[in-house]
C-alpha cells in the first residue's frame, strides 16, 4: 500500500511540475519519450530481424522444433 501511495505521489509531482514547465525543449523531449513508449517494437527492428522472426514462426508452425534440452547442450558454455 505504501509503495502505491509513493508511486501516486510521484505521478502527481510530475504532473504539477509539467504544468509549470516553460522550456519548449523539455516538452519536446517528453513528447518524444512518450512516442517511444507507445511505439510497437515491431516497427523499430530491422528488416533482417523481422525476417528472422517470421522464419522462426514458420519453422514452429511446420513442426521444425528442437527441445529445450538440445539447445541447452549446444549453448551451455554461454549459459
PDB file of N, CA and C in Angstrom:
ATOM      1  N   UNK A   1       0.827  -1.202   0.000  1.00  0.00           N
ATOM      2  CA  UNK A   1       0.000   0.000   0.000  1.00  0.00           C
ATOM      3  C   UNK A   1       0.867   1.260   0.000  1.00  0.00           C
ATOM      4  N   UNK A   2       1.916   1.251   0.810  1.00  0.00           N
ATOM      5  CA  UNK A   2       2.790   2.416   0.894  1.00  0.00           C
ATOM      6  C   UNK A   2       3.499   2.658  -0.440  1.00  0.00           C
ATOM      7  N   UNK A   3       3.907   1.594  -1.111  1.00  0.00           N
ATOM      8  CA  UNK A   3       4.559   1.726  -2.410  1.00  0.00           C
ATOM      9  C   UNK A   3       3.607   2.367  -3.418  1.00  0.00           C
ATOM     10  N   UNK A   4       2.353   1.944  -3.404  1.00  0.00           N
ATOM     11  CA  UNK A   4       1.349   2.512  -4.311  1.00  0.00           C
ATOM     12  C   UNK A   4       1.145   3.999  -4.020  1.00  0.00           C
ATOM     13  N   UNK A   5       1.110   4.382  -2.761  1.00  0.00           N
ATOM     14  CA  UNK A   5       0.950   5.793  -2.413  1.00  0.00           C
ATOM     15  C   UNK A   5       2.152   6.602  -2.878  1.00  0.00           C
ATOM     16  N   UNK A   6       3.345   6.036  -2.720  1.00  0.00           N
ATOM     17  CA  UNK A   6       4.561   6.717  -3.153  1.00  0.00           C
ATOM     18  C   UNK A   6       4.545   6.901  -4.671  1.00  0.00           C
ATOM     19  N   UNK A   7       4.117   5.869  -5.374  1.00  0.00           N
ATOM     20  CA  UNK A   7       4.029   5.934  -6.828  1.00  0.00           C
ATOM     21  C   UNK A   7       3.042   7.010  -7.256  1.00  0.00           C
ATOM     22  N   UNK A   8       1.880   7.027  -6.645  1.00  0.00           N
ATOM     23  CA  UNK A   8       0.865   8.034  -6.972  1.00  0.00           C
ATOM     24  C   UNK A   8       1.368   9.437  -6.647  1.00  0.00           C
ATOM     25  N   UNK A   9       2.088   9.549  -5.551  1.00  0.00           N
ATOM     26  CA  UNK A   9       2.645  10.841  -5.158  1.00  0.00           C
ATOM     27  C   UNK A   9       3.650  11.340  -6.193  1.00  0.00           C
ATOM     28  N   UNK A  10       4.492  10.452  -6.690  1.00  0.00           N
ATOM     29  CA  UNK A  10       5.466  10.836  -7.712  1.00  0.00           C
ATOM     30  C   UNK A  10       4.774  11.262  -8.996  1.00  0.00           C
ATOM     31  N   UNK A  11       3.715  10.565  -9.352  1.00  0.00           N
ATOM     32  CA  UNK A  11       2.971  10.937 -10.549  1.00  0.00           C
ATOM     33  C   UNK A  11       2.382  12.332 -10.398  1.00  0.00           C
ATOM     34  N   UNK A  12       1.809  12.617  -9.244  1.00  0.00           N
ATOM     35  CA  UNK A  12       1.241  13.947  -9.006  1.00  0.00           C
ATOM     36  C   UNK A  12       2.318  15.033  -9.034  1.00  0.00           C
ATOM     37  N   UNK A  13       3.482  14.737  -8.475  1.00  0.00           N
ATOM     38  CA  UNK A  13       4.589  15.691  -8.518  1.00  0.00           C
ATOM     39  C   UNK A  13       4.983  15.990  -9.963  1.00  0.00           C
ATOM     40  N   UNK A  14       5.044  14.936 -10.779  1.00  0.00           N
ATOM     41  CA  UNK A  14       5.393  15.131 -12.191  1.00  0.00           C
ATOM     42  C   UNK A  14       4.339  15.956 -12.915  1.00  0.00           C
ATOM     43  N   UNK A  15       3.083  15.686 -12.649  1.00  0.00           N
ATOM     44  CA  UNK A  15       2.001  16.443 -13.272  1.00  0.00           C
ATOM     45  C   UNK A  15       2.103  17.924 -12.893  1.00  0.00           C
ATOM     46  N   UNK A  16       2.322  18.179 -11.619  1.00  0.00           N
ATOM     47  CA  UNK A  16       2.441  19.564 -11.161  1.00  0.00           C
ATOM     48  C   UNK A  16       3.653  20.243 -11.801  1.00  0.00           C
ATOM     49  N   UNK A  17       4.775  19.539 -11.841  1.00  0.00           N
ATOM     50  CA  UNK A  17       5.981  20.101 -12.445  1.00  0.00           C
ATOM     51  C   UNK A  17       5.754  20.374 -13.921  1.00  0.00           C
ATOM     52  N   UNK A  18       5.174  19.398 -14.622  1.00  0.00           N
ATOM     53  CA  UNK A  18       4.952  19.544 -16.055  1.00  0.00           C
ATOM     54  C   UNK A  18       4.044  20.736 -16.355  1.00  0.00           C
ATOM     55  N   UNK A  19       3.065  20.961 -15.509  1.00  0.00           N
ATOM     56  CA  UNK A  19       2.153  22.079 -15.746  1.00  0.00           C
ATOM     57  C   UNK A  19       2.848  23.437 -15.614  1.00  0.00           C
ATOM     58  N   UNK A  20       4.020  23.452 -14.981  1.00  0.00           N
ATOM     59  CA  UNK A  20       4.723  24.723 -14.806  1.00  0.00           C
ATOM     60  C   UNK A  20       5.937  24.879 -15.729  1.00  0.00           C
ATOM     61  N   UNK A  21       6.251  23.858 -16.504  1.00  0.00           N
ATOM     62  CA  UNK A  21       7.416  23.923 -17.387  1.00  0.00           C
ATOM     63  C   UNK A  21       7.166  24.917 -18.508  1.00  0.00           C
ATOM     64  N   UNK A  22       8.128  25.796 -18.716  1.00  0.00           N
ATOM     65  CA  UNK A  22       8.042  26.802 -19.777  1.00  0.00           C
ATOM     66  C   UNK A  22       9.032  26.521 -20.899  1.00  0.00           C
ATOM     67  N   UNK A  23       9.975  25.631 -20.667  1.00  0.00           N
ATOM     68  CA  UNK A  23      11.016  25.321 -21.643  1.00  0.00           C
ATOM     69  C   UNK A  23      10.476  24.364 -22.702  1.00  0.00           C
ATOM     70  N   UNK A  24      10.363  24.852 -23.927  1.00  0.00           N
ATOM     71  CA  UNK A  24       9.799  24.080 -25.029  1.00  0.00           C
ATOM     72  C   UNK A  24      10.609  22.815 -25.290  1.00  0.00           C
ATOM     73  N   UNK A  25      11.924  22.891 -25.145  1.00  0.00           N
ATOM     74  CA  UNK A  25      12.764  21.725 -25.430  1.00  0.00           C
ATOM     75  C   UNK A  25      12.466  20.577 -24.455  1.00  0.00           C
ATOM     76  N   UNK A  26      12.148  20.896 -23.237  1.00  0.00           N
ATOM     77  CA  UNK A  26      11.794  19.847 -22.268  1.00  0.00           C
ATOM     78  C   UNK A  26      10.481  19.194 -22.676  1.00  0.00           C
ATOM     79  N   UNK A  27       9.511  19.982 -23.052  1.00  0.00           N
ATOM     80  CA  UNK A  27       8.223  19.444 -23.503  1.00  0.00           C
ATOM     81  C   UNK A  27       8.428  18.551 -24.713  1.00  0.00           C
ATOM     82  N   UNK A  28       9.258  18.989 -25.659  1.00  0.00           N
ATOM     83  CA  UNK A  28       9.524  18.190 -26.855  1.00  0.00           C
ATOM     84  C   UNK A  28      10.174  16.860 -26.496  1.00  0.00           C
ATOM     85  N   UNK A  29      11.103  16.874 -25.545  1.00  0.00           N
ATOM     86  CA  UNK A  29      11.751  15.636 -25.104  1.00  0.00           C
ATOM     87  C   UNK A  29      10.735  14.680 -24.479  1.00  0.00           C
ATOM     88  N   UNK A  30       9.827  15.215 -23.706  1.00  0.00           N
ATOM     89  CA  UNK A  30       8.804  14.381 -23.066  1.00  0.00           C
ATOM     90  C   UNK A  30       7.874  13.791 -24.122  1.00  0.00           C
ATOM     91  N   UNK A  31       7.511  14.583 -25.111  1.00  0.00           N
ATOM     92  CA  UNK A  31       6.659  14.094 -26.203  1.00  0.00           C
ATOM     93  C   UNK A  31       7.365  12.966 -26.942  1.00  0.00           C
ATOM     94  N   UNK A  32       8.662  13.119 -27.221  1.00  0.00           N
ATOM     95  CA  UNK A  32       9.425  12.072 -27.903  1.00  0.00           C
ATOM     96  C   UNK A  32       9.514  10.814 -27.048  1.00  0.00           C
ATOM     97  N   UNK A  33       9.711  10.986 -25.760  1.00  0.00           N
ATOM     98  CA  UNK A  33       9.747   9.838 -24.847  1.00  0.00           C
ATOM     99  C   UNK A  33       8.425   9.089 -24.886  1.00  0.00           C
ATOM    100  N   UNK A  34       7.343   9.829 -24.864  1.00  0.00           N
ATOM    101  CA  UNK A  34       6.015   9.212 -24.911  1.00  0.00           C
ATOM    102  C   UNK A  34       5.822   8.433 -26.215  1.00  0.00           C
ATOM    103  N   UNK A  35       6.296   9.001 -27.324  1.00  0.00           N
ATOM    104  CA  UNK A  35       6.180   8.314 -28.618  1.00  0.00           C
ATOM    105  C   UNK A  35       6.932   6.989 -28.593  1.00  0.00           C
ATOM    106  N   UNK A  36       8.134   6.985 -28.029  1.00  0.00           N
ATOM    107  CA  UNK A  36       8.909   5.747 -27.987  1.00  0.00           C
ATOM    108  C   UNK A  36       8.267   4.716 -27.080  1.00  0.00           C
ATOM    109  N   UNK A  37       7.572   5.170 -26.062  1.00  0.00           N
ATOM    110  CA  UNK A  37       6.904   4.256 -25.140  1.00  0.00           C
ATOM    111  C   UNK A  37       5.653   3.640 -25.755  1.00  0.00           C
ATOM    112  N   UNK A  38       5.068   4.303 -26.737  1.00  0.00           N
ATOM    113  CA  UNK A  38       3.833   3.801 -27.339  1.00  0.00           C
ATOM    114  C   UNK A  38       4.047   3.203 -28.724  1.00  0.00           C
ATOM    115  N   UNK A  39       5.303   3.181 -29.168  1.00  0.00           N
ATOM    116  CA  UNK A  39       5.615   2.630 -30.481  1.00  0.00           C
ATOM    117  C   UNK A  39       5.703   1.112 -30.387  1.00  0.00           C
ATOM    118  N   UNK A  40       5.090   0.433 -31.316  1.00  0.00           N
ATOM    119  CA  UNK A  40       5.166  -1.020 -31.371  1.00  0.00           C
ATOM    120  C   UNK A  40       6.596  -1.420 -31.717  1.00  0.00           C
ATOM    121  N   UNK A  41       7.194  -2.294 -30.929  1.00  0.00           N
ATOM    122  CA  UNK A  41       8.585  -2.691 -31.138  1.00  0.00           C
ATOM    123  C   UNK A  41       8.811  -3.258 -32.535  1.00  0.00           C
ATOM    124  N   UNK A  42       7.791  -3.841 -33.136  1.00  0.00           N
ATOM    125  CA  UNK A  42       7.934  -4.429 -34.466  1.00  0.00           C
ATOM    126  C   UNK A  42       8.388  -3.368 -35.473  1.00  0.00           C
ATOM    127  N   UNK A  43       7.943  -2.151 -35.289  1.00  0.00           N
ATOM    128  CA  UNK A  43       8.286  -1.070 -36.216  1.00  0.00           C
ATOM    129  C   UNK A  43       9.674  -0.491 -35.958  1.00  0.00           C
ATOM    130  N   UNK A  44      10.320  -0.933 -34.893  1.00  0.00           N
ATOM    131  CA  UNK A  44      11.635  -0.389 -34.565  1.00  0.00           C
ATOM    132  C   UNK A  44      12.773  -1.338 -34.908  1.00  0.00           C
ATOM    133  N   UNK A  45      12.464  -2.564 -35.318  1.00  0.00           N
ATOM    134  CA  UNK A  45      13.518  -3.529 -35.636  1.00  0.00           C
ATOM    135  C   UNK A  45      13.796  -3.537 -37.137  1.00  0.00           C
ATOM    136  N   UNK A  46      14.943  -4.086 -37.499  1.00  0.00           N
ATOM    137  CA  UNK A  46      15.354  -4.097 -38.909  1.00  0.00           C
ATOM    138  C   UNK A  46      14.575  -5.144 -39.702  1.00  0.00           C
ATOM    139  N   UNK A  47      14.651  -5.016 -41.008  1.00  0.00           N
ATOM    140  CA  UNK A  47      14.004  -5.999 -41.884  1.00  0.00           C
ATOM    141  C   UNK A  47      14.626  -7.381 -41.698  1.00  0.00           C
ATOM    142  N   UNK A  48      15.920  -7.430 -41.450  1.00  0.00           N
ATOM    143  CA  UNK A  48      16.602  -8.705 -41.202  1.00  0.00           C
ATOM    144  C   UNK A  48      16.038  -9.380 -39.955  1.00  0.00           C
ATOM    145  N   UNK A  49      15.842  -8.597 -38.895  1.00  0.00           N
ATOM    146  CA  UNK A  49      15.274  -9.147 -37.659  1.00  0.00           C
ATOM    147  C   UNK A  49      13.841  -9.623 -37.883  1.00  0.00           C
ATOM    148  N   UNK A  50      13.063  -8.829 -38.621  1.00  0.00           N
ATOM    149  CA  UNK A  50      11.682  -9.234 -38.915  1.00  0.00           C
ATOM    150  C   UNK A  50      11.651 -10.545 -39.683  1.00  0.00           C
ATOM    151  N   UNK A  51      12.529 -10.675 -40.674  1.00  0.00           N
ATOM    152  CA  UNK A  51      12.577 -11.888 -41.484  1.00  0.00           C
ATOM    153  C   UNK A  51      12.975 -13.088 -40.622  1.00  0.00           C
ATOM    154  N   UNK A  52      13.930 -12.905 -39.722  1.00  0.00           N
ATOM    155  CA  UNK A  52      14.359 -13.991 -38.839  1.00  0.00           C
ATOM    156  C   UNK A  52      13.206 -14.442 -37.942  1.00  0.00           C
ATOM    157  N   UNK A  53      12.444 -13.499 -37.431  1.00  0.00           N
ATOM    158  CA  UNK A  53      11.294 -13.833 -36.590  1.00  0.00           C
ATOM    159  C   UNK A  53      10.245 -14.573 -37.405  1.00  0.00           C
ATOM    160  N   UNK A  54       9.972 -14.069 -38.594  1.00  0.00           N
ATOM    161  CA  UNK A  54       8.983 -14.720 -39.461  1.00  0.00           C
ATOM    162  C   UNK A  54       9.414 -16.140 -39.824  1.00  0.00           C
ATOM    163  N   UNK A  55      10.720 -16.320 -40.104  1.00  0.00           N
ATOM    164  CA  UNK A  55      11.231 -17.660 -40.399  1.00  0.00           C
ATOM    165  C   UNK A  55      11.065 -18.581 -39.189  1.00  0.00           C
ATOM    166  N   UNK A  56      11.331 -18.071 -38.017  1.00  0.00           N
ATOM    167  CA  UNK A  56      11.166 -18.861 -36.806  1.00  0.00           C
ATOM    168  C   UNK A  56       9.720 -19.278 -36.583  1.00  0.00           C
ATOM    169  N   UNK A  57       8.807 -18.374 -36.857  1.00  0.00           N
ATOM    170  CA  UNK A  57       7.376 -18.690 -36.721  1.00  0.00           C
ATOM    171  C   UNK A  57       6.973 -19.753 -37.739  1.00  0.00           C
ATOM    172  N   UNK A  58       7.468 -19.615 -38.964  1.00  0.00           N
ATOM    173  CA  UNK A  58       7.174 -20.622 -39.993  1.00  0.00           C
ATOM    174  C   UNK A  58       7.726 -21.989 -39.590  1.00  0.00           C
ATOM    175  N   UNK A  59       8.956 -22.015 -39.074  1.00  0.00           N
ATOM    176  CA  UNK A  59       9.546 -23.271 -38.615  1.00  0.00           C
ATOM    177  C   UNK A  59       8.707 -23.890 -37.495  1.00  0.00           C
ATOM    178  N   UNK A  60       8.290 -23.074 -36.553  1.00  0.00           N
ATOM    179  CA  UNK A  60       7.485 -23.578 -35.438  1.00  0.00           C
ATOM    180  C   UNK A  60       6.152 -24.113 -35.945  1.00  0.00           C
ATOM    181  N   UNK A  61       5.523 -23.391 -36.857  1.00  0.00           N
ATOM    182  CA  UNK A  61       4.243 -23.843 -37.407  1.00  0.00           C
ATOM    183  C   UNK A  61       4.393 -25.128 -38.217  1.00  0.00           C
ATOM    184  N   UNK A  62       5.587 -25.347 -38.776  1.00  0.00           N
ATOM    185  CA  UNK A  62       5.845 -26.553 -39.571  1.00  0.00           C
ATOM    186  C   UNK A  62       6.315 -27.723 -38.707  1.00  0.00           C
ATOM    187  N   UNK A  63       6.478 -27.486 -37.423  1.00  0.00           N
ATOM    188  CA  UNK A  63       6.934 -28.548 -36.538  1.00  0.00           C
ATOM    189  C   UNK A  63       8.439 -28.722 -36.510  1.00  0.00           C
ATOM    190  N   UNK A  64       9.166 -27.795 -37.094  1.00  0.00           N
ATOM    191  CA  UNK A  64      10.637 -27.862 -37.108  1.00  0.00           C
ATOM    192  C   UNK A  64      11.178 -27.257 -35.809  1.00  0.00           C
ATOM    193  N   UNK A  65      11.001 -27.987 -34.747  1.00  0.00           N
ATOM    194  CA  UNK A  65      11.405 -27.502 -33.432  1.00  0.00           C
ATOM    195  C   UNK A  65      12.407 -28.463 -32.802  1.00  0.00           C
ATOM    196  N   UNK A  66      13.271 -27.927 -31.959  1.00  0.00           N
ATOM    197  CA  UNK A  66      14.191 -28.734 -31.167  1.00  0.00           C
ATOM    198  C   UNK A  66      13.830 -28.554 -29.703  1.00  0.00           C
ATOM    199  N   UNK A  67      13.982 -29.593 -28.916  1.00  0.00           N
ATOM    200  CA  UNK A  67      13.661 -29.459 -27.499  1.00  0.00           C
ATOM    201  C   UNK A  67      14.633 -28.515 -26.786  1.00  0.00           C
ATOM    202  N   UNK A  68      14.177 -27.947 -25.727  1.00  0.00           N
ATOM    203  CA  UNK A  68      14.977 -27.021 -24.926  1.00  0.00           C
ATOM    204  C   UNK A  68      16.267 -27.687 -24.460  1.00  0.00           C
ATOM    205  N   UNK A  69      16.198 -28.964 -24.119  1.00  0.00           N
ATOM    206  CA  UNK A  69      17.387 -29.668 -23.633  1.00  0.00           C
ATOM    207  C   UNK A  69      18.482 -29.696 -24.701  1.00  0.00           C
ATOM    208  N   UNK A  70      18.123 -29.816 -25.963  1.00  0.00           N
ATOM    209  CA  UNK A  70      19.114 -29.789 -27.045  1.00  0.00           C
ATOM    210  C   UNK A  70      19.767 -28.410 -27.151  1.00  0.00           C
ATOM    211  N   UNK A  71      18.970 -27.393 -27.031  1.00  0.00           N
ATOM    212  CA  UNK A  71      19.510 -26.035 -27.101  1.00  0.00           C
ATOM    213  C   UNK A  71      20.460 -25.782 -25.932  1.00  0.00           C
ATOM    214  N   UNK A  72      20.117 -26.262 -24.761  1.00  0.00           N
ATOM    215  CA  UNK A  72      20.985 -26.086 -23.590  1.00  0.00           C
ATOM    216  C   UNK A  72      22.332 -26.770 -23.808  1.00  0.00           C
ATOM    217  N   UNK A  73      22.330 -27.941 -24.435  1.00  0.00           N
ATOM    218  CA  UNK A  73      23.590 -28.648 -24.697  1.00  0.00           C
ATOM    219  C   UNK A  73      24.481 -27.833 -25.638  1.00  0.00           C
ATOM    220  N   UNK A  74      23.877 -27.289 -26.677  1.00  0.00           N
ATOM    221  CA  UNK A  74      24.628 -26.524 -27.676  1.00  0.00           C
ATOM    222  C   UNK A  74      25.197 -25.235 -27.059  1.00  0.00           C
ATOM    223  N   UNK A  75      24.401 -24.574 -26.245  1.00  0.00           N
ATOM    224  CA  UNK A  75      24.780 -23.249 -25.738  1.00  0.00           C
ATOM    225  C   UNK A  75      25.204 -23.245 -24.282  1.00  0.00           C
ATOM    226  N   UNK A  76      25.488 -24.412 -23.700  1.00  0.00           N
ATOM    227  CA  UNK A  76      25.757 -24.490 -22.264  1.00  0.00           C
ATOM    228  C   UNK A  76      26.954 -23.632 -21.829  1.00  0.00           C
ATOM    229  N   UNK A  77      27.941 -23.479 -22.682  1.00  0.00           N
ATOM    230  CA  UNK A  77      29.111 -22.696 -22.265  1.00  0.00           C
ATOM    231  C   UNK A  77      28.788 -21.197 -22.114  1.00  0.00           C
ATOM    232  N   UNK A  78      27.692 -20.749 -22.700  1.00  0.00           N
ATOM    233  CA  UNK A  78      27.294 -19.338 -22.568  1.00  0.00           C
ATOM    234  C   UNK A  78      26.188 -19.139 -21.551  1.00  0.00           C
ATOM    235  N   UNK A  79      25.639 -20.216 -21.024  1.00  0.00           N
ATOM    236  CA  UNK A  79      24.534 -20.098 -20.059  1.00  0.00           C
ATOM    237  C   UNK A  79      25.043 -20.049 -18.648  1.00  0.00           C
TER     238      UNK A  79
END
